[in-house]
């Protein structure tokens, strides 16, 4: 995931800007895993295997976000992200 893509992306719920919390980078420097956090409403959107899962939670594939948050729960808690 290119950081410049996230800089241009907007929250689908409130149209606020997104900040990133990077967990892992790919060899080419792209974001492999992380979290995009909305500056407006505080919603969090997973970046999983270089894909930004930017969707309204009710419309996302069942379990996609849950799997991500379970996979990175220690990292998220360790960084004080709620």
PDB file of N, CA and C in Angstrom:
ATOM      1  N   UNK A   1       0.861  -1.167   0.000  1.00  0.00           N
ATOM      2  CA  UNK A   1       0.000   0.000   0.000  1.00  0.00           C
ATOM      3  C   UNK A   1       0.904   1.225   0.000  1.00  0.00           C
ATOM      4  N   UNK A   2       0.678   2.101  -0.942  1.00  0.00           N
ATOM      5  CA  UNK A   2       1.416   3.352  -1.004  1.00  0.00           C
ATOM      6  C   UNK A   2       0.878   4.330   0.041  1.00  0.00           C
ATOM      7  N   UNK A   3       1.763   4.989   0.754  1.00  0.00           N
ATOM      8  CA  UNK A   3       1.330   5.976   1.749  1.00  0.00           C
ATOM      9  C   UNK A   3       0.582   7.130   1.093  1.00  0.00           C
ATOM     10  N   UNK A   4       0.963   7.499  -0.120  1.00  0.00           N
ATOM     11  CA  UNK A   4       0.287   8.620  -0.785  1.00  0.00           C
ATOM     12  C   UNK A   4      -1.168   8.297  -1.123  1.00  0.00           C
ATOM     13  N   UNK A   5      -1.490   7.028  -1.288  1.00  0.00           N
ATOM     14  CA  UNK A   5      -2.884   6.641  -1.530  1.00  0.00           C
ATOM     15  C   UNK A   5      -3.707   6.900  -0.271  1.00  0.00           C
ATOM     16  N   UNK A   6      -3.162   6.524   0.873  1.00  0.00           N
ATOM     17  CA  UNK A   6      -3.872   6.726   2.132  1.00  0.00           C
ATOM     18  C   UNK A   6      -4.030   8.214   2.426  1.00  0.00           C
ATOM     19  N   UNK A   7      -3.028   9.004   2.079  1.00  0.00           N
ATOM     20  CA  UNK A   7      -3.111  10.450   2.300  1.00  0.00           C
ATOM     21  C   UNK A   7      -4.277  11.069   1.527  1.00  0.00           C
ATOM     22  N   UNK A   8      -4.635  10.484   0.398  1.00  0.00           N
ATOM     23  CA  UNK A   8      -5.733  11.009  -0.424  1.00  0.00           C
ATOM     24  C   UNK A   8      -7.083  10.371  -0.100  1.00  0.00           C
ATOM     25  N   UNK A   9      -7.048   9.237   0.571  1.00  0.00           N
ATOM     26  CA  UNK A   9      -8.282   8.511   0.890  1.00  0.00           C
ATOM     27  C   UNK A   9      -9.068   9.253   1.973  1.00  0.00           C
ATOM     28  N   UNK A  10     -10.359   8.999   2.019  1.00  0.00           N
ATOM     29  CA  UNK A  10     -11.252   9.597   3.010  1.00  0.00           C
ATOM     30  C   UNK A  10     -12.085   8.506   3.665  1.00  0.00           C
ATOM     31  N   UNK A  11     -12.455   8.762   4.884  1.00  0.00           N
ATOM     32  CA  UNK A  11     -13.308   7.846   5.640  1.00  0.00           C
ATOM     33  C   UNK A  11     -14.662   7.713   4.937  1.00  0.00           C
ATOM     34  N   UNK A  12     -15.124   6.496   4.701  1.00  0.00           N
ATOM     35  CA  UNK A  12     -16.422   6.326   4.047  1.00  0.00           C
ATOM     36  C   UNK A  12     -17.605   6.713   4.937  1.00  0.00           C
ATOM     37  N   UNK A  13     -17.370   6.830   6.244  1.00  0.00           N
ATOM     38  CA  UNK A  13     -18.467   7.164   7.148  1.00  0.00           C
ATOM     39  C   UNK A  13     -18.660   8.662   7.318  1.00  0.00           C
ATOM     40  N   UNK A  14     -17.526   9.421   7.415  1.00  0.00           N
ATOM     41  CA  UNK A  14     -17.676  10.858   7.691  1.00  0.00           C
ATOM     42  C   UNK A  14     -16.879  11.740   6.722  1.00  0.00           C
ATOM     43  N   UNK A  15     -16.104  11.132   5.832  1.00  0.00           N
ATOM     44  CA  UNK A  15     -15.277  11.844   4.842  1.00  0.00           C
ATOM     45  C   UNK A  15     -14.064  12.526   5.467  1.00  0.00           C
ATOM     46  N   UNK A  16     -13.722  12.171   6.706  1.00  0.00           N
ATOM     47  CA  UNK A  16     -12.541  12.732   7.355  1.00  0.00           C
ATOM     48  C   UNK A  16     -11.257  12.164   6.767  1.00  0.00           C
ATOM     49  N   UNK A  17     -10.144  12.849   7.002  1.00  0.00           N
ATOM     50  CA  UNK A  17      -8.840  12.374   6.559  1.00  0.00           C
ATOM     51  C   UNK A  17      -8.369  11.200   7.396  1.00  0.00           C
ATOM     52  N   UNK A  18      -7.388  10.474   6.884  1.00  0.00           N
ATOM     53  CA  UNK A  18      -6.888   9.275   7.552  1.00  0.00           C
ATOM     54  C   UNK A  18      -5.418   9.428   7.937  1.00  0.00           C
ATOM     55  N   UNK A  19      -5.079   8.971   9.131  1.00  0.00           N
ATOM     56  CA  UNK A  19      -3.694   8.853   9.587  1.00  0.00           C
ATOM     57  C   UNK A  19      -3.347   7.378   9.624  1.00  0.00           C
ATOM     58  N   UNK A  20      -2.077   7.052   9.419  1.00  0.00           N
ATOM     59  CA  UNK A  20      -1.682   5.647   9.417  1.00  0.00           C
ATOM     60  C   UNK A  20      -0.854   5.284  10.630  1.00  0.00           C
ATOM     61  N   UNK A  21      -1.039   4.077  11.077  1.00  0.00           N
ATOM     62  CA  UNK A  21      -0.194   3.434  12.080  1.00  0.00           C
ATOM     63  C   UNK A  21       0.367   2.206  11.364  1.00  0.00           C
ATOM     64  N   UNK A  22       1.664   2.215  11.120  1.00  0.00           N
ATOM     65  CA  UNK A  22       2.297   1.157  10.337  1.00  0.00           C
ATOM     66  C   UNK A  22       2.817   0.079  11.277  1.00  0.00           C
ATOM     67  N   UNK A  23       2.432  -1.176  11.008  1.00  0.00           N
ATOM     68  CA  UNK A  23       2.880  -2.312  11.804  1.00  0.00           C
ATOM     69  C   UNK A  23       4.054  -3.015  11.123  1.00  0.00           C
ATOM     70  N   UNK A  24       3.959  -3.213   9.808  1.00  0.00           N
ATOM     71  CA  UNK A  24       5.007  -3.890   9.040  1.00  0.00           C
ATOM     72  C   UNK A  24       5.132  -3.239   7.672  1.00  0.00           C
ATOM     73  N   UNK A  25       6.368  -3.192   7.159  1.00  0.00           N
ATOM     74  CA  UNK A  25       6.611  -2.700   5.809  1.00  0.00           C
ATOM     75  C   UNK A  25       7.080  -3.850   4.924  1.00  0.00           C
ATOM     76  N   UNK A  26       6.736  -3.767   3.645  1.00  0.00           N
ATOM     77  CA  UNK A  26       7.216  -4.729   2.660  1.00  0.00           C
ATOM     78  C   UNK A  26       8.663  -4.380   2.315  1.00  0.00           C
ATOM     79  N   UNK A  27       9.360  -5.276   1.639  1.00  0.00           N
ATOM     80  CA  UNK A  27      10.753  -5.040   1.246  1.00  0.00           C
ATOM     81  C   UNK A  27      10.911  -3.789   0.382  1.00  0.00           C
ATOM     82  N   UNK A  28       9.876  -3.454  -0.388  1.00  0.00           N
ATOM     83  CA  UNK A  28       9.949  -2.280  -1.267  1.00  0.00           C
ATOM     84  C   UNK A  28       9.545  -0.985  -0.557  1.00  0.00           C
ATOM     85  N   UNK A  29       9.288  -1.057   0.756  1.00  0.00           N
ATOM     86  CA  UNK A  29       8.948   0.125   1.536  1.00  0.00           C
ATOM     87  C   UNK A  29       7.470   0.417   1.661  1.00  0.00           C
ATOM     88  N   UNK A  30       6.639  -0.294   0.913  1.00  0.00           N
ATOM     89  CA  UNK A  30       5.194  -0.094   1.018  1.00  0.00           C
ATOM     90  C   UNK A  30       4.686  -0.584   2.368  1.00  0.00           C
ATOM     91  N   UNK A  31       3.531  -0.096   2.759  1.00  0.00           N
ATOM     92  CA  UNK A  31       2.914  -0.552   4.007  1.00  0.00           C
ATOM     93  C   UNK A  31       2.327  -1.936   3.779  1.00  0.00           C
ATOM     94  N   UNK A  32       2.835  -2.926   4.511  1.00  0.00           N
ATOM     95  CA  UNK A  32       2.283  -4.282   4.389  1.00  0.00           C
ATOM     96  C   UNK A  32       1.082  -4.447   5.321  1.00  0.00           C
ATOM     97  N   UNK A  33       1.254  -4.039   6.576  1.00  0.00           N
ATOM     98  CA  UNK A  33       0.186  -4.162   7.564  1.00  0.00           C
ATOM     99  C   UNK A  33       0.158  -2.904   8.413  1.00  0.00           C
ATOM    100  N   UNK A  34      -1.038  -2.470   8.748  1.00  0.00           N
ATOM    101  CA  UNK A  34      -1.180  -1.303   9.591  1.00  0.00           C
ATOM    102  C   UNK A  34      -2.640  -0.949   9.782  1.00  0.00           C
ATOM    103  N   UNK A  35      -2.859   0.259  10.197  1.00  0.00           N
ATOM    104  CA  UNK A  35      -4.212   0.725  10.478  1.00  0.00           C
ATOM    105  C   UNK A  35      -4.342   2.162   9.998  1.00  0.00           C
ATOM    106  N   UNK A  36      -5.412   2.460   9.295  1.00  0.00           N
ATOM    107  CA  UNK A  36      -5.726   3.829   8.883  1.00  0.00           C
ATOM    108  C   UNK A  36      -6.814   4.325   9.829  1.00  0.00           C
ATOM    109  N   UNK A  37      -6.529   5.401  10.541  1.00  0.00           N
ATOM    110  CA  UNK A  37      -7.458   5.937  11.539  1.00  0.00           C
ATOM    111  C   UNK A  37      -8.033   7.255  11.062  1.00  0.00           C
ATOM    112  N   UNK A  38      -9.360   7.388  11.165  1.00  0.00           N
ATOM    113  CA  UNK A  38     -10.048   8.603  10.739  1.00  0.00           C
ATOM    114  C   UNK A  38      -9.830   9.725  11.743  1.00  0.00           C
ATOM    115  N   UNK A  39      -9.454  10.904  11.219  1.00  0.00           N
ATOM    116  CA  UNK A  39      -9.291  12.092  12.062  1.00  0.00           C
ATOM    117  C   UNK A  39     -10.630  12.644  12.532  1.00  0.00           C
ATOM    118  N   UNK A  40     -11.707  12.330  11.803  1.00  0.00           N
ATOM    119  CA  UNK A  40     -13.016  12.875  12.129  1.00  0.00           C
ATOM    120  C   UNK A  40     -13.794  12.062  13.146  1.00  0.00           C
ATOM    121  N   UNK A  41     -14.115  10.824  12.781  1.00  0.00           N
ATOM    122  CA  UNK A  41     -14.982  10.008  13.641  1.00  0.00           C
ATOM    123  C   UNK A  41     -14.230   8.944  14.430  1.00  0.00           C
ATOM    124  N   UNK A  42     -12.927   8.760  14.147  1.00  0.00           N
ATOM    125  CA  UNK A  42     -12.137   7.794  14.893  1.00  0.00           C
ATOM    126  C   UNK A  42     -12.227   6.359  14.411  1.00  0.00           C
ATOM    127  N   UNK A  43     -12.920   6.116  13.312  1.00  0.00           N
ATOM    128  CA  UNK A  43     -13.030   4.753  12.783  1.00  0.00           C
ATOM    129  C   UNK A  43     -11.651   4.252  12.368  1.00  0.00           C
ATOM    130  N   UNK A  44     -11.449   2.956  12.468  1.00  0.00           N
ATOM    131  CA  UNK A  44     -10.191   2.345  12.075  1.00  0.00           C
ATOM    132  C   UNK A  44     -10.392   1.394  10.910  1.00  0.00           C
ATOM    133  N   UNK A  45      -9.479   1.445   9.941  1.00  0.00           N
ATOM    134  CA  UNK A  45      -9.567   0.611   8.742  1.00  0.00           C
ATOM    135  C   UNK A  45      -8.271  -0.170   8.589  1.00  0.00           C
ATOM    136  N   UNK A  46      -8.359  -1.497   8.535  1.00  0.00           N
ATOM    137  CA  UNK A  46      -7.161  -2.321   8.439  1.00  0.00           C
ATOM    138  C   UNK A  46      -6.424  -2.146   7.110  1.00  0.00           C
ATOM    139  N   UNK A  47      -5.105  -2.218   7.178  1.00  0.00           N
ATOM    140  CA  UNK A  47      -4.260  -2.384   6.005  1.00  0.00           C
ATOM    141  C   UNK A  47      -3.665  -3.767   6.185  1.00  0.00           C
ATOM    142  N   UNK A  48      -4.122  -4.711   5.401  1.00  0.00           N
ATOM    143  CA  UNK A  48      -3.766  -6.117   5.576  1.00  0.00           C
ATOM    144  C   UNK A  48      -3.142  -6.640   4.288  1.00  0.00           C
ATOM    145  N   UNK A  49      -1.891  -7.068   4.370  1.00  0.00           N
ATOM    146  CA  UNK A  49      -1.175  -7.604   3.216  1.00  0.00           C
ATOM    147  C   UNK A  49      -1.198  -6.614   2.043  1.00  0.00           C
ATOM    148  N   UNK A  50      -0.933  -5.351   2.348  1.00  0.00           N
ATOM    149  CA  UNK A  50      -0.844  -4.226   1.409  1.00  0.00           C
ATOM    150  C   UNK A  50      -2.193  -3.770   0.839  1.00  0.00           C
ATOM    151  N   UNK A  51      -3.299  -4.246   1.388  1.00  0.00           N
ATOM    152  CA  UNK A  51      -4.626  -3.817   0.940  1.00  0.00           C
ATOM    153  C   UNK A  51      -5.325  -3.029   2.043  1.00  0.00           C
ATOM    154  N   UNK A  52      -5.800  -1.830   1.707  1.00  0.00           N
ATOM    155  CA  UNK A  52      -6.577  -1.024   2.642  1.00  0.00           C
ATOM    156  C   UNK A  52      -8.026  -1.471   2.567  1.00  0.00           C
ATOM    157  N   UNK A  53      -8.541  -1.990   3.673  1.00  0.00           N
ATOM    158  CA  UNK A  53      -9.932  -2.444   3.732  1.00  0.00           C
ATOM    159  C   UNK A  53     -10.792  -1.252   4.143  1.00  0.00           C
ATOM    160  N   UNK A  54     -11.060  -0.425   3.163  1.00  0.00           N
ATOM    161  CA  UNK A  54     -11.743   0.839   3.390  1.00  0.00           C
ATOM    162  C   UNK A  54     -13.212   0.670   3.036  1.00  0.00           C
ATOM    163  N   UNK A  55     -13.988   0.241   4.017  1.00  0.00           N
ATOM    164  CA  UNK A  55     -15.402   0.024   3.780  1.00  0.00           C
ATOM    165  C   UNK A  55     -16.191   0.206   5.053  1.00  0.00           C
ATOM    166  N   UNK A  56     -17.447   0.458   4.895  1.00  0.00           N
ATOM    167  CA  UNK A  56     -18.342   0.543   6.047  1.00  0.00           C
ATOM    168  C   UNK A  56     -18.395  -0.842   6.673  1.00  0.00           C
ATOM    169  N   UNK A  57     -18.149  -0.952   7.982  1.00  0.00           N
ATOM    170  CA  UNK A  57     -18.053  -2.273   8.613  1.00  0.00           C
ATOM    171  C   UNK A  57     -19.203  -3.222   8.292  1.00  0.00           C
ATOM    172  N   UNK A  58     -20.401  -2.695   8.193  1.00  0.00           N
ATOM    173  CA  UNK A  58     -21.551  -3.558   7.928  1.00  0.00           C
ATOM    174  C   UNK A  58     -21.504  -4.183   6.531  1.00  0.00           C
ATOM    175  N   UNK A  59     -20.730  -3.594   5.619  1.00  0.00           N
ATOM    176  CA  UNK A  59     -20.667  -4.088   4.242  1.00  0.00           C
ATOM    177  C   UNK A  59     -19.395  -4.873   3.943  1.00  0.00           C
ATOM    178  N   UNK A  60     -18.499  -4.973   4.913  1.00  0.00           N
ATOM    179  CA  UNK A  60     -17.260  -5.713   4.708  1.00  0.00           C
ATOM    180  C   UNK A  60     -17.525  -7.206   4.808  1.00  0.00           C
ATOM    181  N   UNK A  61     -16.666  -8.014   4.152  1.00  0.00           N
ATOM    182  CA  UNK A  61     -16.841  -9.472   4.269  1.00  0.00           C
ATOM    183  C   UNK A  61     -16.832  -9.893   5.725  1.00  0.00           C
ATOM    184  N   UNK A  62     -17.730 -10.774   6.054  1.00  0.00           N
ATOM    185  CA  UNK A  62     -17.861 -11.214   7.442  1.00  0.00           C
ATOM    186  C   UNK A  62     -16.533 -11.751   7.961  1.00  0.00           C
ATOM    187  N   UNK A  63     -16.094 -11.209   9.060  1.00  0.00           N
ATOM    188  CA  UNK A  63     -14.884 -11.682   9.713  1.00  0.00           C
ATOM    189  C   UNK A  63     -13.597 -11.033   9.237  1.00  0.00           C
ATOM    190  N   UNK A  64     -13.607 -10.282   8.138  1.00  0.00           N
ATOM    191  CA  UNK A  64     -12.369  -9.700   7.607  1.00  0.00           C
ATOM    192  C   UNK A  64     -11.706  -8.791   8.632  1.00  0.00           C
ATOM    193  N   UNK A  65     -12.454  -7.870   9.179  1.00  0.00           N
ATOM    194  CA  UNK A  65     -11.894  -6.949  10.173  1.00  0.00           C
ATOM    195  C   UNK A  65     -11.579  -7.692  11.467  1.00  0.00           C
ATOM    196  N   UNK A  66     -12.450  -8.611  11.874  1.00  0.00           N
ATOM    197  CA  UNK A  66     -12.211  -9.366  13.109  1.00  0.00           C
ATOM    198  C   UNK A  66     -10.908 -10.151  13.028  1.00  0.00           C
ATOM    199  N   UNK A  67     -10.660 -10.784  11.879  1.00  0.00           N
ATOM    200  CA  UNK A  67      -9.430 -11.551  11.699  1.00  0.00           C
ATOM    201  C   UNK A  67      -8.206 -10.642  11.815  1.00  0.00           C
ATOM    202  N   UNK A  68      -8.285  -9.474  11.199  1.00  0.00           N
ATOM    203  CA  UNK A  68      -7.176  -8.522  11.254  1.00  0.00           C
ATOM    204  C   UNK A  68      -6.916  -8.075  12.682  1.00  0.00           C
ATOM    205  N   UNK A  69      -7.966  -7.652  13.384  1.00  0.00           N
ATOM    206  CA  UNK A  69      -7.787  -7.146  14.741  1.00  0.00           C
ATOM    207  C   UNK A  69      -7.320  -8.244  15.693  1.00  0.00           C
ATOM    208  N   UNK A  70      -7.734  -9.474  15.470  1.00  0.00           N
ATOM    209  CA  UNK A  70      -7.238 -10.578  16.284  1.00  0.00           C
ATOM    210  C   UNK A  70      -5.753 -10.827  16.005  1.00  0.00           C
ATOM    211  N   UNK A  71      -5.363 -10.747  14.746  1.00  0.00           N
ATOM    212  CA  UNK A  71      -3.978 -10.981  14.332  1.00  0.00           C
ATOM    213  C   UNK A  71      -3.025  -9.934  14.932  1.00  0.00           C
ATOM    214  N   UNK A  72      -3.483  -8.687  15.024  1.00  0.00           N
ATOM    215  CA  UNK A  72      -2.627  -7.591  15.473  1.00  0.00           C
ATOM    216  C   UNK A  72      -3.066  -7.001  16.829  1.00  0.00           C
ATOM    217  N   UNK A  73      -3.801  -7.754  17.619  1.00  0.00           N
ATOM    218  CA  UNK A  73      -4.311  -7.220  18.882  1.00  0.00           C
ATOM    219  C   UNK A  73      -3.191  -6.763  19.818  1.00  0.00           C
ATOM    220  N   UNK A  74      -2.096  -7.514  19.874  1.00  0.00           N
ATOM    221  CA  UNK A  74      -0.976  -7.136  20.753  1.00  0.00           C
ATOM    222  C   UNK A  74      -0.323  -5.836  20.278  1.00  0.00           C
ATOM    223  N   UNK A  75      -0.147  -5.688  18.969  1.00  0.00           N
ATOM    224  CA  UNK A  75       0.470  -4.480  18.421  1.00  0.00           C
ATOM    225  C   UNK A  75      -0.429  -3.269  18.674  1.00  0.00           C
ATOM    226  N   UNK A  76      -1.721  -3.455  18.438  1.00  0.00           N
ATOM    227  CA  UNK A  76      -2.677  -2.357  18.626  1.00  0.00           C
ATOM    228  C   UNK A  76      -2.712  -1.929  20.093  1.00  0.00           C
ATOM    229  N   UNK A  77      -2.790  -2.892  20.988  1.00  0.00           N
ATOM    230  CA  UNK A  77      -2.825  -2.569  22.421  1.00  0.00           C
ATOM    231  C   UNK A  77      -1.518  -1.937  22.873  1.00  0.00           C
ATOM    232  N   UNK A  78      -0.398  -2.413  22.347  1.00  0.00           N
ATOM    233  CA  UNK A  78       0.902  -1.886  22.719  1.00  0.00           C
ATOM    234  C   UNK A  78       1.132  -0.452  22.278  1.00  0.00           C
ATOM    235  N   UNK A  79       0.402  -0.030  21.258  1.00  0.00           N
ATOM    236  CA  UNK A  79       0.524   1.348  20.762  1.00  0.00           C
ATOM    237  C   UNK A  79      -0.568   2.259  21.290  1.00  0.00           C
ATOM    238  N   UNK A  80      -1.404   1.743  22.160  1.00  0.00           N
ATOM    239  CA  UNK A  80      -2.447   2.567  22.760  1.00  0.00           C
ATOM    240  C   UNK A  80      -3.558   2.952  21.814  1.00  0.00           C
ATOM    241  N   UNK A  81      -3.767   2.146  20.784  1.00  0.00           N
ATOM    242  CA  UNK A  81      -4.843   2.412  19.820  1.00  0.00           C
ATOM    243  C   UNK A  81      -6.096   1.734  20.328  1.00  0.00           C
ATOM    244  N   UNK A  82      -7.186   2.488  20.404  1.00  0.00           N
ATOM    245  CA  UNK A  82      -8.438   1.873  20.891  1.00  0.00           C
ATOM    246  C   UNK A  82      -9.485   1.906  19.818  1.00  0.00           C
TER     247      UNK A  82
END
